[in-house]
Protein backbone atom coordinates (compact mmCIF):
# COMPACT_ATOMS: atom_id res chain seq x y z
CA MET A 1 50.78 34.99 139.02
CA SER A 2 50.49 35.88 135.21
CA ARG A 3 53.26 34.94 132.95
CA VAL A 4 54.30 37.45 130.24
CA GLU A 5 55.96 36.50 127.28
CA SER A 6 57.70 38.16 125.13
CA ILE A 7 57.62 37.74 121.77
CA ALA A 8 59.61 39.17 118.81
CA PRO A 9 58.34 38.82 115.50
CA GLU A 10 61.57 38.15 113.56
CA ARG A 11 59.36 38.43 110.39
CA HIS A 12 58.24 41.96 111.41
CA THR A 13 62.54 43.15 112.53
CA THR A 14 63.43 41.06 109.12
CA LYS A 15 60.91 43.51 107.29
CA LYS A 16 61.47 47.25 109.04
CA ARG A 17 65.54 46.43 107.94
CA ALA A 18 64.62 45.77 104.11
CA THR A 19 62.13 49.03 104.02
CA LEU A 20 65.36 50.49 105.56
CA LEU A 21 67.57 49.20 103.66
CA LEU A 22 65.83 50.48 100.09
CA GLY A 23 64.64 53.61 101.90
CA GLY A 24 68.50 54.22 102.54
CA ALA A 25 69.77 52.70 98.98
CA GLY A 26 66.95 54.91 97.34
CA LEU A 27 68.21 57.95 99.36
CA LEU A 28 71.87 57.37 98.55
CA LEU A 29 71.00 56.93 94.50
CA GLY A 30 68.67 60.33 94.75
CA THR A 31 71.72 61.81 95.72
CA ILE A 32 74.01 60.62 92.96
CA ILE A 33 71.66 61.21 90.38
CA GLY A 34 71.02 64.83 91.91
CA VAL A 35 74.74 66.23 91.77
CA VAL A 36 75.36 64.72 88.48
CA ILE A 37 72.45 66.72 87.27
CA LEU A 38 73.57 69.61 89.15
CA PHE A 39 77.32 69.45 87.82
CA ALA A 40 75.95 68.65 84.06
CA THR A 41 73.22 71.55 83.61
CA GLY A 42 76.12 73.76 85.02
CA VAL A 43 74.62 75.09 88.08
CA TRP A 44 77.06 73.68 90.67
CA HIS A 45 80.67 74.19 88.63
CA VAL A 46 83.82 73.19 89.68
CA GLY A 47 86.82 74.90 88.23
CA ALA A 48 89.05 77.89 87.77
CA PRO A 49 87.63 80.74 89.96
CA GLU A 50 85.33 83.26 87.82
CA MET A 51 87.32 86.39 87.29
CA HIS A 52 85.38 90.00 87.24
CA GLY A 53 85.97 92.99 85.32
CA ILE A 54 85.23 95.47 82.41
CA VAL A 55 86.24 94.33 78.98
CA MET A 56 86.92 97.59 76.87
CA GLN A 57 84.70 97.12 73.38
CA SER A 58 86.99 99.78 71.73
CA PRO A 59 90.41 99.68 73.64
CA GLN A 60 92.87 102.36 73.37
CA PRO A 61 96.32 103.03 72.85
CA VAL A 62 98.33 103.62 76.09
CA ALA A 63 100.48 105.94 75.33
CA ASN A 64 104.59 104.75 77.14
CA PHE A 65 105.71 106.34 80.11
CA THR A 66 108.83 105.32 82.18
CA LEU A 67 109.37 105.45 85.94
CA MET A 68 112.11 104.42 88.44
CA GLY A 69 112.74 101.05 89.21
CA ALA A 70 114.94 99.84 91.68
CA GLY A 71 118.39 100.74 91.64
CA GLU A 72 117.48 104.11 90.11
CA THR A 73 117.02 101.58 86.84
CA PRO A 74 114.88 103.69 84.54
CA VAL A 75 111.94 101.52 83.73
CA SER A 76 109.55 101.95 80.31
CA LEU A 77 105.99 100.33 79.70
CA ARG A 78 107.22 99.99 76.48
CA ASP A 79 110.29 97.52 77.84
CA PHE A 80 107.48 94.65 78.47
CA ARG A 81 106.02 94.85 74.62
CA GLY A 82 105.34 91.27 74.64
CA LYS A 83 103.99 90.36 77.54
CA VAL A 84 100.41 91.31 79.35
CA VAL A 85 101.07 93.84 81.81
CA LEU A 86 99.16 93.74 84.91
CA LEU A 87 99.27 97.46 86.24
CA TYR A 88 98.62 98.81 89.12
CA PHE A 89 98.74 102.30 91.42
CA GLY A 90 99.12 102.24 95.26
CA TYR A 91 101.58 102.55 97.72
CA THR A 92 103.25 100.39 99.91
CA TYR A 93 101.59 102.27 103.38
CA CYS A 94 97.87 101.27 101.92
CA PRO A 95 96.28 99.59 105.22
CA ASP A 96 94.21 97.52 103.18
CA VAL A 97 93.23 97.14 99.20
CA CYS A 98 96.63 97.10 98.22
CA PRO A 99 98.35 94.42 99.90
CA ALA A 100 94.74 92.34 99.12
CA THR A 101 94.90 93.15 95.30
CA MET A 102 98.52 92.13 95.45
CA VAL A 103 97.40 88.79 96.72
CA GLU A 104 94.73 88.70 93.91
CA LEU A 105 97.36 89.37 91.32
CA LYS A 106 99.75 86.30 93.32
CA GLN A 107 97.22 84.04 93.36
CA ALA A 108 96.54 84.77 90.06
CA MET A 109 99.72 84.12 88.62
CA GLU A 110 100.28 81.08 90.22
CA THR A 111 96.91 79.52 88.28
CA LEU A 112 98.48 80.80 85.00
CA GLY A 113 101.39 78.59 85.64
CA LYS A 114 103.75 78.55 82.90
CA GLU A 115 101.66 81.25 81.25
CA ALA A 116 102.34 83.49 83.96
CA ASP A 117 105.77 84.11 81.96
CA GLU A 118 103.72 85.77 79.83
CA VAL A 119 102.34 88.62 81.95
CA GLN A 120 104.41 91.73 83.82
CA VAL A 121 102.58 93.11 86.94
CA LEU A 122 103.58 96.43 87.73
CA MET A 123 102.86 98.11 90.78
CA VAL A 124 102.82 102.01 90.63
CA SER A 125 103.43 103.76 93.30
CA VAL A 126 101.21 106.95 94.40
CA ASP A 127 102.98 107.47 97.51
CA PRO A 128 106.60 108.60 95.85
CA GLU A 129 107.00 110.75 99.20
CA ARG A 130 107.42 107.92 101.06
CA ASP A 131 108.17 104.90 98.93
CA THR A 132 111.54 104.89 97.79
CA PRO A 133 112.26 102.24 94.62
CA GLU A 134 114.17 99.98 96.70
CA SER A 135 111.54 100.32 99.66
CA LEU A 136 108.61 99.63 97.13
CA GLN A 137 110.70 96.43 95.31
CA GLU A 138 110.90 94.92 98.57
CA TYR A 139 107.16 95.20 98.90
CA VAL A 140 106.19 93.87 95.16
CA SER A 141 108.29 90.55 95.51
CA TYR A 142 107.14 89.79 99.22
CA PHE A 143 104.15 88.80 96.89
CA HIS A 144 105.26 87.22 93.92
CA PRO A 145 109.37 87.38 93.17
CA SER A 146 109.04 88.71 89.04
CA PHE A 147 106.40 91.71 90.36
CA ILE A 148 108.31 95.32 89.47
CA GLY A 149 107.31 98.39 91.67
CA LEU A 150 108.14 101.63 89.81
CA THR A 151 108.13 105.22 90.83
CA GLY A 152 108.77 108.91 90.18
CA THR A 153 108.82 112.44 91.12
CA GLU A 154 104.88 113.24 92.02
CA SER A 155 103.94 114.78 88.84
CA GLU A 156 105.50 112.14 87.00
CA VAL A 157 103.63 109.62 88.54
CA LEU A 158 100.32 112.02 87.94
CA ALA A 159 101.82 111.73 83.76
CA ALA A 160 101.28 107.95 84.12
CA ALA A 161 98.12 107.60 85.63
CA THR A 162 95.97 110.38 84.94
CA PRO A 163 96.05 109.50 81.19
CA LEU A 164 94.82 106.23 82.29
CA GLY A 165 91.99 107.26 84.66
CA VAL A 166 93.61 106.36 87.54
CA PHE A 167 93.22 109.34 90.47
CA PHE A 168 95.00 109.73 93.29
CA GLU A 169 95.59 112.26 96.71
CA LYS A 170 96.68 112.85 100.51
CA SER A 171 93.70 111.78 102.52
CA GLU A 172 92.61 114.31 104.90
CA GLY A 173 92.41 112.26 108.14
CA THR A 174 95.48 110.95 110.08
CA ALA A 175 96.77 107.49 110.27
CA ALA A 176 99.27 105.40 112.29
CA THR A 177 101.88 105.91 109.41
CA GLY A 178 100.96 109.43 109.16
CA TYR A 179 98.75 110.06 106.54
CA LEU A 180 96.81 108.31 104.03
CA ILE A 181 96.45 108.18 100.10
CA ASP A 182 93.19 107.62 98.06
CA HIS A 183 93.62 105.94 95.21
CA THR A 184 92.04 104.28 91.63
CA ALA A 185 91.79 100.69 93.22
CA THR A 186 91.51 99.66 90.00
CA VAL A 187 94.21 96.93 87.77
CA LEU A 188 94.71 97.77 84.46
CA SER A 189 95.67 94.99 81.47
CA ILE A 190 97.80 96.34 78.57
CA ASP A 191 98.19 94.40 75.94
CA LYS A 192 101.38 92.68 74.06
CA THR A 193 101.04 95.23 71.79
């Protein structure tokens, strides 16, 4: 009968552990150095979301206009002198881009914190046939209590929109809500003056 003896060389196991620990420590140190380099070079940036838009090299003056706010109150663009106005043309029955834009405007206001007091968001309805001043105000207030909705007759809204390069018209297709409006989906920023 032969006897098999198992000899576990402790020295070999200890050396293997030391190698694994040293390799793990090196990997951890390399990872930390890599993360520091990414932050230091700006490749990996944590901070406020990047905003996208077009900076006008020669900003043009914006003509005043007056439309109806909630309670049939006339509201003029000049009422907001001293504030930055973020102006959006949309409508309450819009199924996609309008609510998405309003959410982005809400998030922008939240990001501004106390500086949001210096900004006024106005949404002008491109569907005055269905958007009453009250329904429009209810809609915009859902996104942020400071937002103001404005509407008027189609010709009044057109007179406000056209000089700003904003286009809108009823769509030929049909929708569950009756009809859709094709419109420019741009937020216009008007300075404090």
